[in-house]
Amino acid sequence: MAKWRIRINLSDDAQTRARLAEVLDSQQVCAVELTPRADADSVLVGDVVLELPRDVELGDMLAALHMISPQVFVSRAMTEHGSAIDSAIAELAQADLVPCAD
């Protein structure tokens, strides 16, 4: 399953936090951290790491988060074993097909 890191700027109020909890409720969430933004009053930065079984579900998740905030940022999260591309490069390097930069 792919892990995704999502950052969202949201209002610091109970209703918005409840909407975020509702969106995340049906997901396989690994971590959530809400921190106040230093440069804006009554605004939180929400960092979420979650796993989605299919990349198609990422679009649905982002659409739901955009209903809460226009500022939603997404990136692929590293797993404890590294990313899929890192694993592929390591396998190719062991097969002497890709030069290894030491």
C-alpha atoms as a PDB file:
ATOM      1  CA  MET A   1       0.000   0.000   0.000  1.00  0.00           C
ATOM      2  CA  ALA A   2       1.198   3.494  -0.782  1.00  0.00           C
ATOM      3  CA  LYS A   3       1.869   5.897   2.067  1.00  0.00           C
ATOM      4  CA  TRP A   4       1.066   9.564   1.567  1.00  0.00           C
ATOM      5  CA  ARG A   5       2.025  12.636   3.566  1.00  0.00           C
ATOM      6  CA  ILE A   6      -0.627  15.332   3.436  1.00  0.00           C
ATOM      7  CA  ARG A   7      -0.343  18.851   4.865  1.00  0.00           C
ATOM      8  CA  ILE A   8      -3.423  21.011   5.223  1.00  0.00           C
ATOM      9  CA  ASN A   9      -3.902  24.512   6.597  1.00  0.00           C
ATOM     10  CA  LEU A  10      -7.149  24.749   8.531  1.00  0.00           C
ATOM     11  CA  SER A  11      -9.023  27.012  10.902  1.00  0.00           C
ATOM     12  CA  ASP A  12      -8.423  26.434  14.585  1.00  0.00           C
ATOM     13  CA  ASP A  13     -12.016  25.739  15.559  1.00  0.00           C
ATOM     14  CA  ALA A  14     -13.936  22.713  16.761  1.00  0.00           C
ATOM     15  CA  GLN A  15     -16.103  22.420  13.640  1.00  0.00           C
ATOM     16  CA  THR A  16     -13.120  22.302  11.258  1.00  0.00           C
ATOM     17  CA  ARG A  17     -11.244  19.795  13.423  1.00  0.00           C
ATOM     18  CA  ALA A  18     -14.408  17.646  13.511  1.00  0.00           C
ATOM     19  CA  ARG A  19     -14.674  17.770   9.704  1.00  0.00           C
ATOM     20  CA  LEU A  20     -11.021  16.716   9.400  1.00  0.00           C
ATOM     21  CA  ALA A  21     -11.609  13.836  11.831  1.00  0.00           C
ATOM     22  CA  GLU A  22     -14.657  12.777   9.785  1.00  0.00           C
ATOM     23  CA  VAL A  23     -12.656  12.725   6.530  1.00  0.00           C
ATOM     24  CA  LEU A  24      -9.832  10.732   8.132  1.00  0.00           C
ATOM     25  CA  ASP A  25     -12.116   8.369  10.045  1.00  0.00           C
ATOM     26  CA  SER A  26     -12.437   5.803   7.253  1.00  0.00           C
ATOM     27  CA  GLN A  27      -8.730   5.877   6.315  1.00  0.00           C
ATOM     28  CA  GLN A  28      -5.697   3.964   7.539  1.00  0.00           C
ATOM     29  CA  VAL A  29      -4.064   6.918   9.267  1.00  0.00           C
ATOM     30  CA  CYS A  30      -0.541   6.368  10.600  1.00  0.00           C
ATOM     31  CA  ALA A  31      -0.028   9.795  12.176  1.00  0.00           C
ATOM     32  CA  VAL A  32      -1.771  13.139  12.649  1.00  0.00           C
ATOM     33  CA  GLU A  33      -0.179  16.259  14.067  1.00  0.00           C
ATOM     34  CA  LEU A  34      -1.948  19.614  14.399  1.00  0.00           C
ATOM     35  CA  THR A  35       0.274  22.601  15.193  1.00  0.00           C
ATOM     36  CA  PRO A  36      -0.493  26.326  15.326  1.00  0.00           C
ATOM     37  CA  ARG A  37       0.939  28.382  12.477  1.00  0.00           C
ATOM     38  CA  ALA A  38       3.370  30.961  13.783  1.00  0.00           C
ATOM     39  CA  ASP A  39       2.554  33.458  11.036  1.00  0.00           C
ATOM     40  CA  ALA A  40      -1.259  33.362  11.278  1.00  0.00           C
ATOM     41  CA  ASP A  41      -3.728  33.599  14.150  1.00  0.00           C
ATOM     42  CA  SER A  42      -6.371  30.883  14.526  1.00  0.00           C
ATOM     43  CA  VAL A  43      -4.806  28.691  11.833  1.00  0.00           C
ATOM     44  CA  LEU A  44      -3.450  25.180  12.280  1.00  0.00           C
ATOM     45  CA  VAL A  45      -1.160  23.128  10.113  1.00  0.00           C
ATOM     46  CA  GLY A  46      -2.294  19.535   9.942  1.00  0.00           C
ATOM     47  CA  ASP A  47       0.266  16.913   8.980  1.00  0.00           C
ATOM     48  CA  VAL A  48      -1.230  13.523   8.183  1.00  0.00           C
ATOM     49  CA  VAL A  49       0.455  10.303   7.095  1.00  0.00           C
ATOM     50  CA  LEU A  50      -1.894   7.662   5.770  1.00  0.00           C
ATOM     51  CA  GLU A  51      -1.946   4.520   3.667  1.00  0.00           C
ATOM     52  CA  LEU A  52      -4.244   4.108   0.706  1.00  0.00           C
ATOM     53  CA  PRO A  53      -4.755   0.717  -0.932  1.00  0.00           C
ATOM     54  CA  ARG A  54      -5.207   2.304  -4.374  1.00  0.00           C
ATOM     55  CA  ASP A  55      -3.843   5.576  -5.751  1.00  0.00           C
ATOM     56  CA  VAL A  56      -7.329   6.309  -7.126  1.00  0.00           C
ATOM     57  CA  GLU A  57      -8.477   6.903  -3.546  1.00  0.00           C
ATOM     58  CA  LEU A  58      -5.963   9.742  -3.227  1.00  0.00           C
ATOM     59  CA  GLY A  59      -8.107  11.920  -5.499  1.00  0.00           C
ATOM     60  CA  ASP A  60     -11.177  11.321  -3.357  1.00  0.00           C
ATOM     61  CA  MET A  61      -9.195  12.113  -0.201  1.00  0.00           C
ATOM     62  CA  LEU A  62      -7.824  15.342  -1.665  1.00  0.00           C
ATOM     63  CA  ALA A  63     -11.278  16.428  -2.850  1.00  0.00           C
ATOM     64  CA  ALA A  64     -12.656  15.913   0.666  1.00  0.00           C
ATOM     65  CA  LEU A  65      -9.755  17.829   2.224  1.00  0.00           C
ATOM     66  CA  HIS A  66     -10.185  20.683  -0.260  1.00  0.00           C
ATOM     67  CA  MET A  67     -13.718  21.095   1.093  1.00  0.00           C
ATOM     68  CA  ILE A  68     -12.050  21.979   4.412  1.00  0.00           C
ATOM     69  CA  SER A  69      -9.190  24.106   3.066  1.00  0.00           C
ATOM     70  CA  PRO A  70      -7.980  25.422  -0.290  1.00  0.00           C
ATOM     71  CA  GLN A  71      -4.398  24.706   0.844  1.00  0.00           C
ATOM     72  CA  VAL A  72      -3.692  20.983   0.713  1.00  0.00           C
ATOM     73  CA  PHE A  73      -0.229  19.676  -0.099  1.00  0.00           C
ATOM     74  CA  VAL A  74       0.567  16.039  -0.832  1.00  0.00           C
ATOM     75  CA  SER A  75       3.735  13.996  -1.260  1.00  0.00           C
ATOM     76  CA  ARG A  76       4.622  10.336  -1.259  1.00  0.00           C
ATOM     77  CA  ALA A  77       5.817   9.257   2.194  1.00  0.00           C
ATOM     78  CA  MET A  78       8.795   7.026   2.695  1.00  0.00           C
ATOM     79  CA  THR A  79       8.146   3.662   4.268  1.00  0.00           C
ATOM     80  CA  GLU A  80      10.482   2.123   6.826  1.00  0.00           C
ATOM     81  CA  HIS A  81      12.063   0.244   3.901  1.00  0.00           C
ATOM     82  CA  GLY A  82      12.444   3.353   1.719  1.00  0.00           C
ATOM     83  CA  SER A  83      10.463   4.279  -1.349  1.00  0.00           C
ATOM     84  CA  ALA A  84       9.623   1.941  -4.200  1.00  0.00           C
ATOM     85  CA  ILE A  85      12.000   3.802  -6.528  1.00  0.00           C
ATOM     86  CA  ASP A  86      14.834   3.516  -3.977  1.00  0.00           C
ATOM     87  CA  SER A  87      14.223  -0.227  -3.746  1.00  0.00           C
ATOM     88  CA  ALA A  88      14.223  -0.587  -7.540  1.00  0.00           C
ATOM     89  CA  ILE A  89      17.490   1.355  -7.886  1.00  0.00           C
ATOM     90  CA  ALA A  90      19.098  -0.724  -5.144  1.00  0.00           C
ATOM     91  CA  GLU A  91      18.082  -3.945  -6.914  1.00  0.00           C
ATOM     92  CA  LEU A  92      19.447  -2.673 -10.232  1.00  0.00           C
ATOM     93  CA  ALA A  93      22.686  -1.577  -8.570  1.00  0.00           C
ATOM     94  CA  GLN A  94      23.131  -5.077  -7.114  1.00  0.00           C
ATOM     95  CA  ALA A  95      22.614  -6.503 -10.602  1.00  0.00           C
ATOM     96  CA  ASP A  96      25.396  -4.194 -11.901  1.00  0.00           C
ATOM     97  CA  LEU A  97      22.965  -2.563 -14.348  1.00  0.00           C
ATOM     98  CA  VAL A  98      23.156   0.862 -12.712  1.00  0.00           C
ATOM     99  CA  PRO A  99      26.421   2.370 -11.479  1.00  0.00           C
ATOM    100  CA  CYS A 100      26.357   2.918  -7.736  1.00  0.00           C
ATOM    101  CA  ALA A 101      27.480   6.379  -6.561  1.00  0.00           C
ATOM    102  CA  ASP A 102      29.677   5.893  -3.495  1.00  0.00           C
END
